Amino acid sequence: MTLQGLGIGGIPDFLACDALAEGRLVQVLPDYVDPPNRLSLVWPSSRHLSPKIRVFVDFMSERLFLGCNAAR
């Protein structure tokens, strides 16, 4: 809806990077945006960690909250 011009959205950097770089979105009120909150990833404990979970955790650790330039 934000991309369609229907309002302001609170969108994480890693989801808005491309649209910001292309000018489809612009940042407003940057002085009033809170820094990213802590996020925890929780998965079932097991002796053998699923490869799918390991890839997901690694991906999120590398990309989340790093900002647009670092995530590329």
N, C-alpha and C. Protein backbone atom coordinates (compact mmCIF):
# COMPACT_ATOMS: atom_id res chain seq x y z
N MET A 1 0.83 -1.18 0.00
CA MET A 1 0.00 0.00 0.00
C MET A 1 0.88 1.25 0.00
N THR A 2 2.01 1.16 0.70
CA THR A 2 2.92 2.30 0.72
C THR A 2 3.47 2.56 -0.68
N LEU A 3 3.82 1.51 -1.40
CA LEU A 3 4.33 1.66 -2.76
C LEU A 3 3.27 2.23 -3.71
N GLN A 4 2.01 2.05 -3.37
CA GLN A 4 0.93 2.57 -4.20
C GLN A 4 0.54 3.98 -3.81
N GLY A 5 1.27 4.58 -2.88
CA GLY A 5 1.00 5.96 -2.48
C GLY A 5 -0.18 6.12 -1.55
N LEU A 6 -0.52 5.06 -0.81
CA LEU A 6 -1.69 5.10 0.05
C LEU A 6 -1.37 5.42 1.51
N GLY A 7 -0.14 5.81 1.81
CA GLY A 7 0.17 6.19 3.17
C GLY A 7 1.63 5.97 3.52
N ILE A 8 1.91 6.20 4.79
CA ILE A 8 3.25 6.02 5.33
C ILE A 8 3.33 4.64 5.95
N GLY A 9 4.47 3.98 5.78
CA GLY A 9 4.63 2.65 6.34
C GLY A 9 5.89 2.55 7.16
N GLY A 10 5.85 1.75 8.19
CA GLY A 10 7.03 1.44 8.97
C GLY A 10 7.60 0.13 8.44
N ILE A 11 8.60 0.25 7.56
CA ILE A 11 9.11 -0.91 6.84
C ILE A 11 10.57 -1.13 7.20
N PRO A 12 10.97 -2.36 7.54
CA PRO A 12 12.37 -2.62 7.84
C PRO A 12 13.26 -2.30 6.63
N ASP A 13 14.47 -1.84 6.91
CA ASP A 13 15.41 -1.47 5.84
C ASP A 13 15.57 -2.57 4.81
N PHE A 14 15.75 -3.81 5.28
CA PHE A 14 16.05 -4.88 4.34
C PHE A 14 14.89 -5.16 3.38
N LEU A 15 13.68 -4.74 3.72
CA LEU A 15 12.54 -4.91 2.83
C LEU A 15 12.34 -3.71 1.91
N ALA A 16 12.85 -2.55 2.30
CA ALA A 16 12.63 -1.33 1.53
C ALA A 16 13.82 -0.90 0.69
N CYS A 17 14.94 -1.58 0.78
CA CYS A 17 16.19 -1.16 0.12
C CYS A 17 16.00 -0.87 -1.37
N ASP A 18 15.46 -1.81 -2.08
CA ASP A 18 15.33 -1.64 -3.53
C ASP A 18 14.42 -0.47 -3.87
N ALA A 19 13.29 -0.38 -3.20
CA ALA A 19 12.34 0.70 -3.48
C ALA A 19 12.93 2.06 -3.13
N LEU A 20 13.71 2.14 -2.05
CA LEU A 20 14.38 3.39 -1.69
C LEU A 20 15.42 3.77 -2.73
N ALA A 21 16.22 2.80 -3.16
CA ALA A 21 17.27 3.04 -4.15
C ALA A 21 16.69 3.47 -5.49
N GLU A 22 15.54 2.93 -5.84
CA GLU A 22 14.89 3.24 -7.12
C GLU A 22 14.03 4.49 -7.05
N GLY A 23 13.88 5.06 -5.86
CA GLY A 23 13.07 6.26 -5.70
C GLY A 23 11.57 6.01 -5.63
N ARG A 24 11.18 4.76 -5.51
CA ARG A 24 9.75 4.44 -5.38
C ARG A 24 9.25 4.71 -3.98
N LEU A 25 10.17 4.75 -3.01
CA LEU A 25 9.87 5.14 -1.65
C LEU A 25 10.86 6.21 -1.22
N VAL A 26 10.42 7.07 -0.32
CA VAL A 26 11.32 8.06 0.29
C VAL A 26 11.15 7.97 1.79
N GLN A 27 12.24 8.22 2.50
CA GLN A 27 12.18 8.18 3.95
C GLN A 27 11.62 9.50 4.46
N VAL A 28 10.69 9.43 5.39
CA VAL A 28 10.13 10.62 6.02
C VAL A 28 10.32 10.51 7.53
N LEU A 29 10.46 11.64 8.17
CA LEU A 29 10.59 11.71 9.62
C LEU A 29 11.74 10.85 10.16
N PRO A 30 12.93 10.89 9.56
CA PRO A 30 14.01 10.02 10.03
C PRO A 30 14.44 10.29 11.47
N ASP A 31 14.23 11.52 11.95
CA ASP A 31 14.60 11.83 13.33
C ASP A 31 13.65 11.21 14.36
N TYR A 32 12.54 10.69 13.90
CA TYR A 32 11.54 10.13 14.81
C TYR A 32 11.41 8.61 14.70
N VAL A 33 12.32 8.00 13.98
CA VAL A 33 12.30 6.55 13.81
C VAL A 33 13.17 5.93 14.90
N ASP A 34 12.61 4.98 15.61
CA ASP A 34 13.36 4.26 16.65
C ASP A 34 14.37 3.33 16.01
N PRO A 35 15.48 3.10 16.68
CA PRO A 35 16.44 2.12 16.16
C PRO A 35 15.81 0.73 16.17
N PRO A 36 16.36 -0.18 15.37
CA PRO A 36 15.78 -1.53 15.32
C PRO A 36 15.74 -2.18 16.70
N ASN A 37 14.68 -2.92 16.93
CA ASN A 37 14.55 -3.66 18.18
C ASN A 37 15.27 -4.99 18.07
N ARG A 38 15.44 -5.61 19.18
CA ARG A 38 16.06 -6.93 19.20
C ARG A 38 15.08 -7.95 18.63
N LEU A 39 15.60 -8.89 17.89
CA LEU A 39 14.79 -9.96 17.33
C LEU A 39 15.44 -11.29 17.69
N SER A 40 14.65 -12.21 18.15
CA SER A 40 15.17 -13.53 18.49
C SER A 40 14.58 -14.55 17.54
N LEU A 41 15.42 -15.46 17.09
CA LEU A 41 14.97 -16.59 16.29
C LEU A 41 14.99 -17.80 17.20
N VAL A 42 13.88 -18.50 17.26
CA VAL A 42 13.76 -19.65 18.14
C VAL A 42 13.37 -20.85 17.29
N TRP A 43 14.04 -21.97 17.52
CA TRP A 43 13.72 -23.18 16.80
C TRP A 43 13.81 -24.36 17.76
N PRO A 44 13.17 -25.47 17.40
CA PRO A 44 13.19 -26.62 18.29
C PRO A 44 14.60 -27.14 18.49
N SER A 45 14.90 -27.50 19.71
CA SER A 45 16.20 -28.08 20.01
C SER A 45 16.22 -29.51 19.52
N SER A 46 17.28 -29.86 18.85
CA SER A 46 17.43 -31.24 18.40
C SER A 46 18.91 -31.54 18.25
N ARG A 47 19.21 -32.77 18.20
CA ARG A 47 20.61 -33.18 18.08
C ARG A 47 21.19 -32.76 16.73
N HIS A 48 20.39 -32.84 15.69
CA HIS A 48 20.83 -32.48 14.33
C HIS A 48 19.99 -31.31 13.83
N LEU A 49 20.60 -30.17 13.69
CA LEU A 49 19.90 -28.98 13.21
C LEU A 49 19.58 -29.15 11.73
N SER A 50 18.34 -28.91 11.38
CA SER A 50 17.90 -29.03 10.00
C SER A 50 18.69 -28.06 9.11
N PRO A 51 19.16 -28.52 7.95
CA PRO A 51 19.88 -27.62 7.04
C PRO A 51 19.04 -26.41 6.64
N LYS A 52 17.74 -26.58 6.52
CA LYS A 52 16.86 -25.46 6.17
C LYS A 52 16.88 -24.40 7.27
N ILE A 53 16.83 -24.83 8.50
CA ILE A 53 16.86 -23.88 9.62
C ILE A 53 18.22 -23.19 9.67
N ARG A 54 19.30 -23.93 9.49
CA ARG A 54 20.65 -23.35 9.52
C ARG A 54 20.81 -22.27 8.45
N VAL A 55 20.34 -22.55 7.24
CA VAL A 55 20.42 -21.57 6.14
C VAL A 55 19.59 -20.34 6.47
N PHE A 56 18.40 -20.54 7.00
CA PHE A 56 17.54 -19.42 7.36
C PHE A 56 18.17 -18.56 8.45
N VAL A 57 18.68 -19.18 9.50
CA VAL A 57 19.32 -18.44 10.59
C VAL A 57 20.53 -17.67 10.08
N ASP A 58 21.35 -18.30 9.26
CA ASP A 58 22.51 -17.62 8.69
C ASP A 58 22.10 -16.43 7.83
N PHE A 59 21.08 -16.63 6.99
CA PHE A 59 20.59 -15.55 6.13
C PHE A 59 20.09 -14.37 6.96
N MET A 60 19.27 -14.65 7.96
CA MET A 60 18.72 -13.58 8.78
C MET A 60 19.82 -12.87 9.56
N SER A 61 20.79 -13.62 10.06
CA SER A 61 21.90 -13.02 10.81
C SER A 61 22.71 -12.08 9.93
N GLU A 62 22.90 -12.43 8.68
CA GLU A 62 23.69 -11.61 7.77
C GLU A 62 22.93 -10.38 7.29
N ARG A 63 21.62 -10.49 7.10
CA ARG A 63 20.85 -9.45 6.44
C ARG A 63 20.08 -8.51 7.35
N LEU A 64 19.58 -9.02 8.44
CA LEU A 64 18.65 -8.27 9.27
C LEU A 64 19.31 -7.13 10.00
N PHE A 65 18.73 -5.95 9.90
CA PHE A 65 19.14 -4.75 10.62
C PHE A 65 20.53 -4.24 10.25
N LEU A 66 21.04 -4.60 9.10
CA LEU A 66 22.34 -4.09 8.69
C LEU A 66 22.22 -2.82 7.86
N GLY A 67 21.03 -2.48 7.46
CA GLY A 67 20.86 -1.32 6.60
C GLY A 67 20.94 -1.74 5.14
N CYS A 68 20.55 -0.85 4.28
CA CYS A 68 20.47 -1.18 2.84
C CYS A 68 21.82 -1.47 2.23
N ASN A 69 22.82 -0.67 2.48
CA ASN A 69 24.10 -0.87 1.81
C ASN A 69 24.79 -2.14 2.25
N ALA A 70 24.70 -2.48 3.51
CA ALA A 70 25.39 -3.66 4.03
C ALA A 70 24.71 -4.96 3.58
N ALA A 71 23.42 -4.91 3.31
CA ALA A 71 22.68 -6.12 2.97
C ALA A 71 22.84 -6.50 1.51
N ARG A 72 23.44 -5.68 0.73
CA ARG A 72 23.60 -5.98 -0.71
C ARG A 72 24.81 -6.81 -0.98
